[in-house]
C-alpha atoms as a PDB file:
ATOM      1  CA  UNK A   1      72.240  88.334-115.223  1.00  0.00           C
ATOM      2  CA  UNK A   2      74.776  89.938-117.548  1.00  0.00           C
ATOM      3  CA  UNK A   3      77.868  91.297-115.872  1.00  0.00           C
ATOM      4  CA  UNK A   4      81.147  92.727-116.988  1.00  0.00           C
ATOM      5  CA  UNK A   5      84.418  94.005-115.631  1.00  0.00           C
ATOM      6  CA  UNK A   6      86.037  97.281-116.551  1.00  0.00           C
ATOM      7  CA  UNK A   7      89.776  96.766-116.610  1.00  0.00           C
ATOM      8  CA  UNK A   8      93.019  98.617-116.644  1.00  0.00           C
ATOM      9  CA  UNK A   9      95.761  97.305-118.919  1.00  0.00           C
ATOM     10  CA  UNK A  10      97.108  94.941-116.259  1.00  0.00           C
ATOM     11  CA  UNK A  11      93.758  93.629-115.063  1.00  0.00           C
ATOM     12  CA  UNK A  12      91.953  90.527-116.208  1.00  0.00           C
ATOM     13  CA  UNK A  13      88.602  91.348-117.742  1.00  0.00           C
ATOM     14  CA  UNK A  14      85.881  89.657-119.725  1.00  0.00           C
ATOM     15  CA  UNK A  15      83.207  91.076-121.947  1.00  0.00           C
ATOM     16  CA  UNK A  16      80.233  88.808-121.413  1.00  0.00           C
ATOM     17  CA  UNK A  17      78.407  88.215-124.668  1.00  0.00           C
ATOM     18  CA  UNK A  18      81.268  89.180-126.949  1.00  0.00           C
ATOM     19  CA  UNK A  19      82.486  86.669-129.502  1.00  0.00           C
ATOM     20  CA  UNK A  20      85.956  86.772-127.943  1.00  0.00           C
ATOM     21  CA  UNK A  21      86.494  86.430-124.182  1.00  0.00           C
ATOM     22  CA  UNK A  22      90.040  86.635-122.994  1.00  0.00           C
ATOM     23  CA  UNK A  23      92.467  88.166-120.469  1.00  0.00           C
ATOM     24  CA  UNK A  24      92.799  91.948-120.635  1.00  0.00           C
ATOM     25  CA  UNK A  25      89.689  92.510-122.707  1.00  0.00           C
ATOM     26  CA  UNK A  26      85.974  92.378-122.749  1.00  0.00           C
ATOM     27  CA  UNK A  27      84.483  90.922-125.053  1.00  0.00           C
ATOM     28  CA  UNK A  28      73.820  90.665-148.509  1.00  0.00           C
ATOM     29  CA  UNK A  29      74.540  92.731-150.121  1.00  0.00           C
ATOM     30  CA  UNK A  30      71.855  95.120-151.595  1.00  0.00           C
ATOM     31  CA  UNK A  31      72.186  96.407-155.115  1.00  0.00           C
ATOM     32  CA  UNK A  32      73.686  99.866-155.456  1.00  0.00           C
ATOM     33  CA  UNK A  33      72.228 102.207-157.994  1.00  0.00           C
ATOM     34  CA  UNK A  34      74.813 104.301-159.719  1.00  0.00           C
ATOM     35  CA  UNK A  35      73.829 107.913-160.142  1.00  0.00           C
ATOM     36  CA  UNK A  36      75.716 111.001-161.118  1.00  0.00           C
ATOM     37  CA  UNK A  37      78.863 111.224-159.032  1.00  0.00           C
ATOM     38  CA  UNK A  38      78.907 114.990-159.272  1.00  0.00           C
ATOM     39  CA  UNK A  39      75.406 115.252-157.790  1.00  0.00           C
ATOM     40  CA  UNK A  40      76.223 112.821-154.996  1.00  0.00           C
ATOM     41  CA  UNK A  41      79.470 114.585-154.177  1.00  0.00           C
ATOM     42  CA  UNK A  42      77.690 117.924-153.974  1.00  0.00           C
ATOM     43  CA  UNK A  43      75.117 116.483-151.567  1.00  0.00           C
ATOM     44  CA  UNK A  44      77.689 114.562-149.538  1.00  0.00           C
ATOM     45  CA  UNK A  45      79.923 117.575-149.076  1.00  0.00           C
ATOM     46  CA  UNK A  46      76.997 119.335-147.460  1.00  0.00           C
ATOM     47  CA  UNK A  47      76.506 116.364-145.116  1.00  0.00           C
ATOM     48  CA  UNK A  48      79.765 116.802-143.206  1.00  0.00           C
ATOM     49  CA  UNK A  49      80.613 120.127-141.656  1.00  0.00           C
ATOM     50  CA  UNK A  50      83.264 119.225-139.069  1.00  0.00           C
ATOM     51  CA  UNK A  51      86.533 120.572-140.427  1.00  0.00           C
ATOM     52  CA  UNK A  52      89.162 117.850-140.295  1.00  0.00           C
ATOM     53  CA  UNK A  53      91.391 119.883-142.549  1.00  0.00           C
ATOM     54  CA  UNK A  54      92.826 122.137-139.854  1.00  0.00           C
ATOM     55  CA  UNK A  55      96.438 121.127-139.419  1.00  0.00           C
ATOM     56  CA  UNK A  56      97.759 120.438-135.953  1.00  0.00           C
ATOM     57  CA  UNK A  57      99.993 123.465-136.157  1.00  0.00           C
ATOM     58  CA  UNK A  58      97.038 125.808-136.671  1.00  0.00           C
ATOM     59  CA  UNK A  59      95.404 125.043-133.330  1.00  0.00           C
ATOM     60  CA  UNK A  60      98.166 125.020-130.688  1.00  0.00           C
ATOM     61  CA  UNK A  61      95.936 126.626-128.058  1.00  0.00           C
ATOM     62  CA  UNK A  62      93.560 123.650-128.302  1.00  0.00           C
ATOM     63  CA  UNK A  63      96.270 120.994-128.261  1.00  0.00           C
ATOM     64  CA  UNK A  64      95.419 119.871-124.716  1.00  0.00           C
ATOM     65  CA  UNK A  65      91.646 120.076-125.135  1.00  0.00           C
ATOM     66  CA  UNK A  66      90.081 116.619-125.165  1.00  0.00           C
ATOM     67  CA  UNK A  67      88.389 115.321-128.297  1.00  0.00           C
ATOM     68  CA  UNK A  68      87.235 111.878-129.326  1.00  0.00           C
ATOM     69  CA  UNK A  69      86.421 109.659-132.273  1.00  0.00           C
ATOM     70  CA  UNK A  70      84.570 106.367-132.682  1.00  0.00           C
ATOM     71  CA  UNK A  71      85.443 103.125-134.468  1.00  0.00           C
ATOM     72  CA  UNK A  72      82.755 100.818-135.862  1.00  0.00           C
ATOM     73  CA  UNK A  73      82.960  97.954-138.362  1.00  0.00           C
ATOM     74  CA  UNK A  74      80.939  95.550-140.498  1.00  0.00           C
ATOM     75  CA  UNK A  75      77.366  96.854-140.384  1.00  0.00           C
ATOM     76  CA  UNK A  76      76.482  95.245-143.729  1.00  0.00           C
ATOM     77  CA  UNK A  77      72.744  94.512-144.066  1.00  0.00           C
ATOM     78  CA  UNK A  78      71.972  94.677-140.354  1.00  0.00           C
ATOM     79  CA  UNK A  79      70.509  98.159-140.512  1.00  0.00           C
ATOM     80  CA  UNK A  80      68.586  98.045-137.231  1.00  0.00           C
ATOM     81  CA  UNK A  81      71.677  97.216-135.158  1.00  0.00           C
ATOM     82  CA  UNK A  82      73.773  99.743-137.087  1.00  0.00           C
ATOM     83  CA  UNK A  83      71.233 102.489-136.448  1.00  0.00           C
ATOM     84  CA  UNK A  84      71.038 101.501-132.778  1.00  0.00           C
ATOM     85  CA  UNK A  85      74.810 101.856-132.480  1.00  0.00           C
ATOM     86  CA  UNK A  86      74.724 105.214-134.256  1.00  0.00           C
ATOM     87  CA  UNK A  87      72.091 106.554-131.868  1.00  0.00           C
ATOM     88  CA  UNK A  88      74.245 105.590-128.884  1.00  0.00           C
ATOM     89  CA  UNK A  89      77.285 107.159-130.536  1.00  0.00           C
ATOM     90  CA  UNK A  90      75.248 110.340-131.014  1.00  0.00           C
ATOM     91  CA  UNK A  91      73.458 110.455-127.652  1.00  0.00           C
ATOM     92  CA  UNK A  92      76.242 109.067-125.405  1.00  0.00           C
ATOM     93  CA  UNK A  93      73.771 107.722-122.841  1.00  0.00           C
ATOM     94  CA  UNK A  94      76.577 105.558-121.420  1.00  0.00           C
ATOM     95  CA  UNK A  95      79.469 107.903-120.672  1.00  0.00           C
ATOM     96  CA  UNK A  96      81.085 107.230-117.308  1.00  0.00           C
ATOM     97  CA  UNK A  97      83.278 109.784-115.602  1.00  0.00           C
ATOM     98  CA  UNK A  98      85.601 111.154-116.694  1.00  0.00           C
ATOM     99  CA  UNK A  99      83.194 111.758-119.550  1.00  0.00           C
ATOM    100  CA  UNK A 100      84.305 111.560-123.163  1.00  0.00           C
ATOM    101  CA  UNK A 101      83.719 114.435-125.585  1.00  0.00           C
ATOM    102  CA  UNK A 102      81.300 113.974-128.504  1.00  0.00           C
ATOM    103  CA  UNK A 103      83.039 112.339-131.483  1.00  0.00           C
ATOM    104  CA  UNK A 104      84.819 114.476-134.041  1.00  0.00           C
ATOM    105  CA  UNK A 105      84.585 111.660-136.602  1.00  0.00           C
ATOM    106  CA  UNK A 106      83.269 108.093-136.864  1.00  0.00           C
ATOM    107  CA  UNK A 107      85.248 105.347-138.611  1.00  0.00           C
ATOM    108  CA  UNK A 108      83.547 102.378-140.232  1.00  0.00           C
ATOM    109  CA  UNK A 109      86.349  99.844-140.698  1.00  0.00           C
ATOM    110  CA  UNK A 110      85.038  98.065-143.773  1.00  0.00           C
ATOM    111  CA  UNK A 111      82.151  95.922-145.005  1.00  0.00           C
ATOM    112  CA  UNK A 112      79.787  98.855-145.185  1.00  0.00           C
ATOM    113  CA  UNK A 113      77.738  97.241-147.940  1.00  0.00           C
ATOM    114  CA  UNK A 114      75.277  98.356-149.024  1.00  0.00           C
ATOM    115  CA  UNK A 115      77.311 101.535-148.649  1.00  0.00           C
ATOM    116  CA  UNK A 116      74.682 103.876-150.025  1.00  0.00           C
ATOM    117  CA  UNK A 117      72.052 102.628-147.576  1.00  0.00           C
ATOM    118  CA  UNK A 118      74.371 102.619-144.546  1.00  0.00           C
ATOM    119  CA  UNK A 119      75.467 106.175-145.376  1.00  0.00           C
ATOM    120  CA  UNK A 120      71.823 107.173-145.621  1.00  0.00           C
ATOM    121  CA  UNK A 121      71.254 105.641-142.170  1.00  0.00           C
ATOM    122  CA  UNK A 122      74.142 107.707-140.857  1.00  0.00           C
ATOM    123  CA  UNK A 123      72.896 111.012-142.198  1.00  0.00           C
ATOM    124  CA  UNK A 124      69.394 110.212-140.921  1.00  0.00           C
ATOM    125  CA  UNK A 125      70.535 109.445-137.367  1.00  0.00           C
ATOM    126  CA  UNK A 126      72.921 112.425-137.388  1.00  0.00           C
ATOM    127  CA  UNK A 127      70.287 114.648-138.940  1.00  0.00           C
ATOM    128  CA  UNK A 128      71.729 117.938-137.660  1.00  0.00           C
ATOM    129  CA  UNK A 129      74.232 118.936-140.313  1.00  0.00           C
ATOM    130  CA  UNK A 130      75.754 121.516-137.982  1.00  0.00           C
ATOM    131  CA  UNK A 131      76.881 118.879-135.483  1.00  0.00           C
ATOM    132  CA  UNK A 132      77.234 115.773-137.668  1.00  0.00           C
ATOM    133  CA  UNK A 133      80.727 114.250-137.469  1.00  0.00           C
ATOM    134  CA  UNK A 134      82.165 112.937-140.741  1.00  0.00           C
ATOM    135  CA  UNK A 135      81.796 109.223-141.447  1.00  0.00           C
ATOM    136  CA  UNK A 136      85.257 107.893-142.342  1.00  0.00           C
ATOM    137  CA  UNK A 137      84.998 104.802-144.598  1.00  0.00           C
ATOM    138  CA  UNK A 138      87.448 101.929-144.973  1.00  0.00           C
ATOM    139  CA  UNK A 139      87.119  99.546-147.916  1.00  0.00           C
ATOM    140  CA  UNK A 140      86.361  95.964-146.842  1.00  0.00           C
ATOM    141  CA  UNK A 141      86.264  92.718-148.778  1.00  0.00           C
ATOM    142  CA  UNK A 142      82.498  93.081-149.299  1.00  0.00           C
ATOM    143  CA  UNK A 143      82.883  96.650-150.574  1.00  0.00           C
ATOM    144  CA  UNK A 144      84.914  95.910-153.691  1.00  0.00           C
ATOM    145  CA  UNK A 145      82.084  95.491-156.186  1.00  0.00           C
ATOM    146  CA  UNK A 146      81.413  98.434-158.464  1.00  0.00           C
ATOM    147  CA  UNK A 147      78.403 100.022-156.762  1.00  0.00           C
ATOM    148  CA  UNK A 148      79.749 100.036-153.198  1.00  0.00           C
ATOM    149  CA  UNK A 149      83.341 100.834-154.131  1.00  0.00           C
ATOM    150  CA  UNK A 150      82.460 103.783-156.344  1.00  0.00           C
ATOM    151  CA  UNK A 151      80.096 105.182-153.727  1.00  0.00           C
ATOM    152  CA  UNK A 152      82.833 105.026-151.087  1.00  0.00           C
ATOM    153  CA  UNK A 153      85.407 106.492-153.467  1.00  0.00           C
ATOM    154  CA  UNK A 154      83.302 109.181-155.122  1.00  0.00           C
ATOM    155  CA  UNK A 155      80.797 110.177-152.436  1.00  0.00           C
ATOM    156  CA  UNK A 156      81.818 109.184-148.916  1.00  0.00           C
ATOM    157  CA  UNK A 157      85.499 110.129-149.001  1.00  0.00           C
ATOM    158  CA  UNK A 158      84.916 113.525-150.699  1.00  0.00           C
ATOM    159  CA  UNK A 159      82.446 114.360-147.916  1.00  0.00           C
ATOM    160  CA  UNK A 160      85.359 114.503-145.422  1.00  0.00           C
ATOM    161  CA  UNK A 161      86.995 117.908-145.442  1.00  0.00           C
ATOM    162  CA  UNK A 162      90.773 118.058-145.413  1.00  0.00           C
ATOM    163  CA  UNK A 163      91.384 114.569-146.795  1.00  0.00           C
ATOM    164  CA  UNK A 164      94.683 113.922-148.585  1.00  0.00           C
ATOM    165  CA  UNK A 165      94.451 110.946-150.941  1.00  0.00           C
ATOM    166  CA  UNK A 166      97.300 108.761-152.082  1.00  0.00           C
ATOM    167  CA  UNK A 167      96.098 109.394-155.650  1.00  0.00           C
ATOM    168  CA  UNK A 168      93.074 111.354-156.923  1.00  0.00           C
ATOM    169  CA  UNK A 169      90.974 108.192-157.313  1.00  0.00           C
ATOM    170  CA  UNK A 170      92.400 106.328-154.320  1.00  0.00           C
ATOM    171  CA  UNK A 171      90.612 105.029-151.231  1.00  0.00           C
ATOM    172  CA  UNK A 172      93.904 105.348-149.339  1.00  0.00           C
ATOM    173  CA  UNK A 173      93.912 108.681-147.563  1.00  0.00           C
ATOM    174  CA  UNK A 174      94.717 110.559-144.377  1.00  0.00           C
ATOM    175  CA  UNK A 175      93.755 113.687-142.505  1.00  0.00           C
ATOM    176  CA  UNK A 176      95.141 115.638-139.561  1.00  0.00           C
ATOM    177  CA  UNK A 177      93.075 116.866-136.646  1.00  0.00           C
ATOM    178  CA  UNK A 178      94.813 118.807-133.880  1.00  0.00           C
ATOM    179  CA  UNK A 179      97.623 116.484-132.697  1.00  0.00           C
ATOM    180  CA  UNK A 180      96.368 113.337-134.489  1.00  0.00           C
ATOM    181  CA  UNK A 181      97.009 111.946-137.954  1.00  0.00           C
ATOM    182  CA  UNK A 182      94.407 109.396-139.096  1.00  0.00           C
ATOM    183  CA  UNK A 183      95.475 107.074-141.942  1.00  0.00           C
ATOM    184  CA  UNK A 184      93.064 104.836-143.877  1.00  0.00           C
ATOM    185  CA  UNK A 185      94.391 102.014-146.068  1.00  0.00           C
ATOM    186  CA  UNK A 186      92.478 100.236-148.830  1.00  0.00           C
ATOM    187  CA  UNK A 187      94.047  96.761-148.862  1.00  0.00           C
ATOM    188  CA  UNK A 188      92.220  95.641-152.013  1.00  0.00           C
ATOM    189  CA  UNK A 189      93.241  97.989-154.824  1.00  0.00           C
ATOM    190  CA  UNK A 190      96.264 100.308-155.001  1.00  0.00           C
ATOM    191  CA  UNK A 191      97.847  99.416-151.645  1.00  0.00           C
ATOM    192  CA  UNK A 192      97.131  95.710-151.500  1.00  0.00           C
ATOM    193  CA  UNK A 193      95.262  92.674-152.731  1.00  0.00           C
ATOM    194  CA  UNK A 194      92.710  90.508-150.952  1.00  0.00           C
ATOM    195  CA  UNK A 195      93.237  92.298-147.649  1.00  0.00           C
ATOM    196  CA  UNK A 196      97.039  92.062-147.663  1.00  0.00           C
ATOM    197  CA  UNK A 197      98.875  95.399-147.682  1.00  0.00           C
ATOM    198  CA  UNK A 198     101.786  94.974-150.082  1.00  0.00           C
ATOM    199  CA  UNK A 199     105.023  96.838-150.687  1.00  0.00           C
ATOM    200  CA  UNK A 200     103.530  99.859-152.450  1.00  0.00           C
ATOM    201  CA  UNK A 201     100.983 100.317-149.670  1.00  0.00           C
ATOM    202  CA  UNK A 202     103.620  99.825-147.007  1.00  0.00           C
ATOM    203  CA  UNK A 203     105.827 102.480-148.589  1.00  0.00           C
ATOM    204  CA  UNK A 204     102.925 104.935-148.830  1.00  0.00           C
ATOM    205  CA  UNK A 205     102.024 104.379-145.168  1.00  0.00           C
ATOM    206  CA  UNK A 206     105.663 104.714-144.119  1.00  0.00           C
ATOM    207  CA  UNK A 207     105.996 108.028-145.932  1.00  0.00           C
ATOM    208  CA  UNK A 208     102.667 109.252-144.520  1.00  0.00           C
ATOM    209  CA  UNK A 209     103.787 108.418-140.983  1.00  0.00           C
ATOM    210  CA  UNK A 210     107.297 109.813-141.340  1.00  0.00           C
ATOM    211  CA  UNK A 211     106.195 113.097-142.915  1.00  0.00           C
ATOM    212  CA  UNK A 212     103.661 113.890-140.198  1.00  0.00           C
ATOM    213  CA  UNK A 213     104.585 117.271-138.683  1.00  0.00           C
ATOM    214  CA  UNK A 214     106.242 117.401-135.290  1.00  0.00           C
ATOM    215  CA  UNK A 215     102.997 118.749-133.826  1.00  0.00           C
ATOM    216  CA  UNK A 216     101.378 115.331-134.418  1.00  0.00           C
ATOM    217  CA  UNK A 217     101.635 113.286-131.214  1.00  0.00           C
ATOM    218  CA  UNK A 218      99.491 110.300-132.169  1.00  0.00           C
ATOM    219  CA  UNK A 219      99.025 108.382-135.409  1.00  0.00           C
ATOM    220  CA  UNK A 220      96.194 105.900-135.896  1.00  0.00           C
ATOM    221  CA  UNK A 221      95.556 103.583-138.829  1.00  0.00           C
ATOM    222  CA  UNK A 222      92.521 101.715-140.044  1.00  0.00           C
ATOM    223  CA  UNK A 223      92.247  98.901-142.573  1.00  0.00           C
ATOM    224  CA  UNK A 224      89.778  96.045-142.772  1.00  0.00           C
ATOM    225  CA  UNK A 225      91.486  92.683-142.241  1.00  0.00           C
ATOM    226  CA  UNK A 226      93.447  92.141-139.023  1.00  0.00           C
ATOM    227  CA  UNK A 227      97.163  91.464-139.050  1.00  0.00           C
ATOM    228  CA  UNK A 228      96.659  89.141-136.085  1.00  0.00           C
ATOM    229  CA  UNK A 229      93.140  87.705-136.362  1.00  0.00           C
ATOM    230  CA  UNK A 230      91.276  86.179-133.457  1.00  0.00           C
ATOM    231  CA  UNK A 231      88.044  84.214-133.483  1.00  0.00           C
ATOM    232  CA  UNK A 232      87.419  84.044-137.245  1.00  0.00           C
ATOM    233  CA  UNK A 233      89.382  84.328-140.494  1.00  0.00           C
ATOM    234  CA  UNK A 234      92.401  82.931-138.675  1.00  0.00           C
ATOM    235  CA  UNK A 235      94.363  82.018-141.812  1.00  0.00           C
ATOM    236  CA  UNK A 236      92.909  84.261-144.514  1.00  0.00           C
ATOM    237  CA  UNK A 237      93.299  87.796-143.174  1.00  0.00           C
ATOM    238  CA  UNK A 238      96.331  90.090-143.527  1.00  0.00           C
ATOM    239  CA  UNK A 239      98.319  87.148-142.091  1.00  0.00           C
ATOM    240  CA  UNK A 240      97.662  85.131-145.254  1.00  0.00           C
ATOM    241  CA  UNK A 241     100.988  86.596-146.399  1.00  0.00           C
ATOM    242  CA  UNK A 242     103.176  86.451-143.297  1.00  0.00           C
ATOM    243  CA  UNK A 243     106.264  88.165-144.808  1.00  0.00           C
ATOM    244  CA  UNK A 244     104.180  91.138-145.981  1.00  0.00           C
ATOM    245  CA  UNK A 245     102.374  91.307-142.634  1.00  0.00           C
ATOM    246  CA  UNK A 246     105.593  91.187-140.629  1.00  0.00           C
ATOM    247  CA  UNK A 247     107.321  93.790-142.801  1.00  0.00           C
ATOM    248  CA  UNK A 248     104.365  96.130-142.395  1.00  0.00           C
ATOM    249  CA  UNK A 249     104.225  95.757-138.605  1.00  0.00           C
ATOM    250  CA  UNK A 250     107.975  96.184-138.172  1.00  0.00           C
ATOM    251  CA  UNK A 251     107.755  99.345-140.272  1.00  0.00           C
ATOM    252  CA  UNK A 252     105.041 100.769-137.980  1.00  0.00           C
ATOM    253  CA  UNK A 253     107.090  99.965-134.876  1.00  0.00           C
ATOM    254  CA  UNK A 254     110.244 101.529-136.303  1.00  0.00           C
ATOM    255  CA  UNK A 255     108.499 104.745-137.358  1.00  0.00           C
ATOM    256  CA  UNK A 256     107.173 105.626-133.899  1.00  0.00           C
ATOM    257  CA  UNK A 257     104.089 107.646-132.937  1.00  0.00           C
ATOM    258  CA  UNK A 258     101.708 104.923-134.211  1.00  0.00           C
ATOM    259  CA  UNK A 259      99.434 104.127-131.277  1.00  0.00           C
ATOM    260  CA  UNK A 260      96.786 101.779-132.641  1.00  0.00           C
ATOM    261  CA  UNK A 261      95.500 100.024-135.743  1.00  0.00           C
ATOM    262  CA  UNK A 262      91.718  99.617-136.032  1.00  0.00           C
ATOM    263  CA  UNK A 263      90.301  96.671-137.976  1.00  0.00           C
ATOM    264  CA  UNK A 264      87.124  94.656-138.474  1.00  0.00           C
ATOM    265  CA  UNK A 265      86.383  91.557-140.576  1.00  0.00           C
ATOM    266  CA  UNK A 266      86.095  88.951-137.786  1.00  0.00           C
ATOM    267  CA  UNK A 267      82.831  90.371-136.354  1.00  0.00           C
ATOM    268  CA  UNK A 268      84.149  89.892-132.797  1.00  0.00           C
ATOM    269  CA  UNK A 269      85.672  92.581-130.579  1.00  0.00           C
ATOM    270  CA  UNK A 270      89.169  92.052-129.194  1.00  0.00           C
ATOM    271  CA  UNK A 271      92.377  93.931-128.573  1.00  0.00           C
ATOM    272  CA  UNK A 272      96.025  92.987-128.348  1.00  0.00           C
ATOM    273  CA  UNK A 273      99.319  94.859-128.311  1.00  0.00           C
ATOM    274  CA  UNK A 274     102.120  93.498-130.475  1.00  0.00           C
ATOM    275  CA  UNK A 275     105.799  94.444-130.512  1.00  0.00           C
ATOM    276  CA  UNK A 276     107.322  91.531-132.448  1.00  0.00           C
ATOM    277  CA  UNK A 277     105.040  90.204-135.214  1.00  0.00           C
ATOM    278  CA  UNK A 278     106.977  86.931-135.271  1.00  0.00           C
ATOM    279  CA  UNK A 279     106.466  86.202-131.577  1.00  0.00           C
ATOM    280  CA  UNK A 280     104.583  83.126-130.416  1.00  0.00           C
ATOM    281  CA  UNK A 281     101.895  85.211-128.742  1.00  0.00           C
ATOM    282  CA  UNK A 282     101.256  87.309-131.822  1.00  0.00           C
ATOM    283  CA  UNK A 283     100.606  84.186-133.879  1.00  0.00           C
ATOM    284  CA  UNK A 284      98.679  82.151-131.302  1.00  0.00           C
ATOM    285  CA  UNK A 285      94.958  82.512-131.998  1.00  0.00           C
ATOM    286  CA  UNK A 286      94.213  81.858-128.325  1.00  0.00           C
ATOM    287  CA  UNK A 287      96.635  84.496-126.996  1.00  0.00           C
ATOM    288  CA  UNK A 288      96.038  88.197-126.412  1.00  0.00           C
ATOM    289  CA  UNK A 289      99.485  89.737-125.870  1.00  0.00           C
ATOM    290  CA  UNK A 290     100.027  93.091-124.196  1.00  0.00           C
ATOM    291  CA  UNK A 291     103.608  93.818-125.230  1.00  0.00           C
ATOM    292  CA  UNK A 292     105.241  96.859-123.690  1.00  0.00           C
ATOM    293  CA  UNK A 293     106.379  99.112-126.524  1.00  0.00           C
ATOM    294  CA  UNK A 294     104.039  97.479-129.017  1.00  0.00           C
ATOM    295  CA  UNK A 295     101.183  98.838-131.105  1.00  0.00           C
ATOM    296  CA  UNK A 296      97.571  98.024-130.366  1.00  0.00           C
ATOM    297  CA  UNK A 297      95.463  96.144-132.862  1.00  0.00           C
ATOM    298  CA  UNK A 298      91.845  96.840-131.951  1.00  0.00           C
ATOM    299  CA  UNK A 299      89.197  94.773-133.712  1.00  0.00           C
ATOM    300  CA  UNK A 300      86.028  96.827-133.339  1.00  0.00           C
ATOM    301  CA  UNK A 301      83.852  93.749-133.793  1.00  0.00           C
ATOM    302  CA  UNK A 302      80.648  94.555-135.641  1.00  0.00           C
ATOM    303  CA  UNK A 303      78.074  97.311-135.392  1.00  0.00           C
ATOM    304  CA  UNK A 304      75.433  95.082-136.901  1.00  0.00           C
ATOM    305  CA  UNK A 305      76.762  91.958-138.580  1.00  0.00           C
ATOM    306  CA  UNK A 306      78.084  90.076-135.551  1.00  0.00           C
ATOM    307  CA  UNK A 307      77.055  88.029-132.531  1.00  0.00           C
ATOM    308  CA  UNK A 308      76.755  91.264-130.540  1.00  0.00           C
ATOM    309  CA  UNK A 309      76.777  94.967-131.378  1.00  0.00           C
ATOM    310  CA  UNK A 310      80.059  96.675-130.461  1.00  0.00           C
ATOM    311  CA  UNK A 311      81.950  99.901-131.091  1.00  0.00           C
ATOM    312  CA  UNK A 312      84.993 101.655-129.616  1.00  0.00           C
ATOM    313  CA  UNK A 313      85.424 105.249-128.457  1.00  0.00           C
ATOM    314  CA  UNK A 314      88.875 106.857-128.409  1.00  0.00           C
ATOM    315  CA  UNK A 315      89.574 110.078-126.520  1.00  0.00           C
ATOM    316  CA  UNK A 316      92.728 112.131-127.025  1.00  0.00           C
ATOM    317  CA  UNK A 317      93.832 114.688-124.463  1.00  0.00           C
ATOM    318  CA  UNK A 318      97.306 115.978-125.184  1.00  0.00           C
ATOM    319  CA  UNK A 319      99.747 113.081-124.755  1.00  0.00           C
ATOM    320  CA  UNK A 320      97.082 110.818-123.260  1.00  0.00           C
ATOM    321  CA  UNK A 321      94.799 108.435-125.151  1.00  0.00           C
ATOM    322  CA  UNK A 322      91.857 106.622-123.562  1.00  0.00           C
ATOM    323  CA  UNK A 323      89.854 103.784-125.101  1.00  0.00           C
ATOM    324  CA  UNK A 324      86.410 102.461-124.148  1.00  0.00           C
ATOM    325  CA  UNK A 325      84.397  99.681-125.752  1.00  0.00           C
ATOM    326  CA  UNK A 326      80.612  99.378-125.705  1.00  0.00           C
ATOM    327  CA  UNK A 327      78.356  96.399-126.332  1.00  0.00           C
ATOM    328  CA  UNK A 328      74.659  95.680-126.811  1.00  0.00           C
ATOM    329  CA  UNK A 329      72.464  92.821-127.927  1.00  0.00           C
ATOM    330  CA  UNK A 330      71.733  93.014-131.639  1.00  0.00           C
ATOM    331  CA  UNK A 331      68.543  94.675-132.789  1.00  0.00           C
ATOM    332  CA  UNK A 332      66.779  98.023-132.359  1.00  0.00           C
ATOM    333  CA  UNK A 333      66.537  99.919-129.074  1.00  0.00           C
ATOM    334  CA  UNK A 334      68.925  97.644-127.164  1.00  0.00           C
ATOM    335  CA  UNK A 335      70.860  99.358-124.345  1.00  0.00           C
ATOM    336  CA  UNK A 336      74.637  99.577-124.509  1.00  0.00           C
ATOM    337  CA  UNK A 337      77.060  99.107-121.638  1.00  0.00           C
ATOM    338  CA  UNK A 338      80.777  99.729-121.284  1.00  0.00           C
ATOM    339  CA  UNK A 339      82.648  96.429-121.424  1.00  0.00           C
ATOM    340  CA  UNK A 340      86.322  97.393-121.688  1.00  0.00           C
ATOM    341  CA  UNK A 341      88.634 100.347-121.140  1.00  0.00           C
ATOM    342  CA  UNK A 342      92.342 101.084-121.182  1.00  0.00           C
ATOM    343  CA  UNK A 343      94.699 104.044-121.477  1.00  0.00           C
ATOM    344  CA  UNK A 344      97.980 105.172-122.967  1.00  0.00           C
ATOM    345  CA  UNK A 345     100.060 107.975-121.517  1.00  0.00           C
ATOM    346  CA  UNK A 346     102.924 108.976-123.741  1.00  0.00           C
ATOM    347  CA  UNK A 347     106.282 110.468-122.708  1.00  0.00           C
ATOM    348  CA  UNK A 348     107.257 113.971-123.673  1.00  0.00           C
ATOM    349  CA  UNK A 349     109.142 112.915-126.796  1.00  0.00           C
ATOM    350  CA  UNK A 350     107.457 111.806-130.020  1.00  0.00           C
ATOM    351  CA  UNK A 351     109.663 108.853-130.835  1.00  0.00           C
ATOM    352  CA  UNK A 352     107.966 105.782-129.466  1.00  0.00           C
ATOM    353  CA  UNK A 353     105.231 103.965-127.645  1.00  0.00           C
END
């Protein structure tokens, strides 16, 4: 019999079946055919109707109204598991009280390839254009070849209303929604190389965090390779360049308002909260720190290309942020269950964790 424990931040919990089991937590590329970018962009812009362009200051009366978003990662060629996850994200058949709101956007934290096919899956599952949340892509190490990269850059990102890019042809971008700023970093081209965010990327992120209006309470980031990997890719993720990794994390801590970083790459769900990137716990592959005052790194696992099928829901309600993780056996029509949950409740000021 499968069993799991739902935990608060101080509890011990295990996600049975996940690639990573630890205290405080649960748990081929296809060829892309290049077609006219202008045609694709026109079609894609019609796909996404949720307006993420409304600034936080324009909706003060809704500031306390709960909304949510979802984080997935690494679907790759496992279309049946990806579609199964998308149907659960859409239908919310597992939604314990207090219930989460339907997602306002869905992140896929890299390794989308084949991007064109996975995007087609998304628009098929979310067939109602009036209620379809935007799919927010992050470039992964398997997305850097011409067909996938150009589709992400020229079709998927333009389909998200209100996006502000680092440069016109960049896959680094952000958008504001109510009291949240969502920042996406491409760690393979302008902002970094081989999954390592370098100085130029760090400076862009720093400026994007620091210039967020005062009405933004929570800032979230997503990039593909974890700063503190667990399970797989232990030496060849963002931590392949420790000085760059540490400088980036210290910058996030010093800026304030950054609540969590969402990653993929390892194909196994886990979470940890890091204050000091040089600490023993941060750099111990068997440790899962929960540092008071730190920033969460949440590895969404894989919605397809992993040992199990996982995704994370995040609900924002004013100063409060709630997280829940869901898991299923890989394959079509497999039921999901909640395998982890935790919460953040922020003080009245906007200066820290």
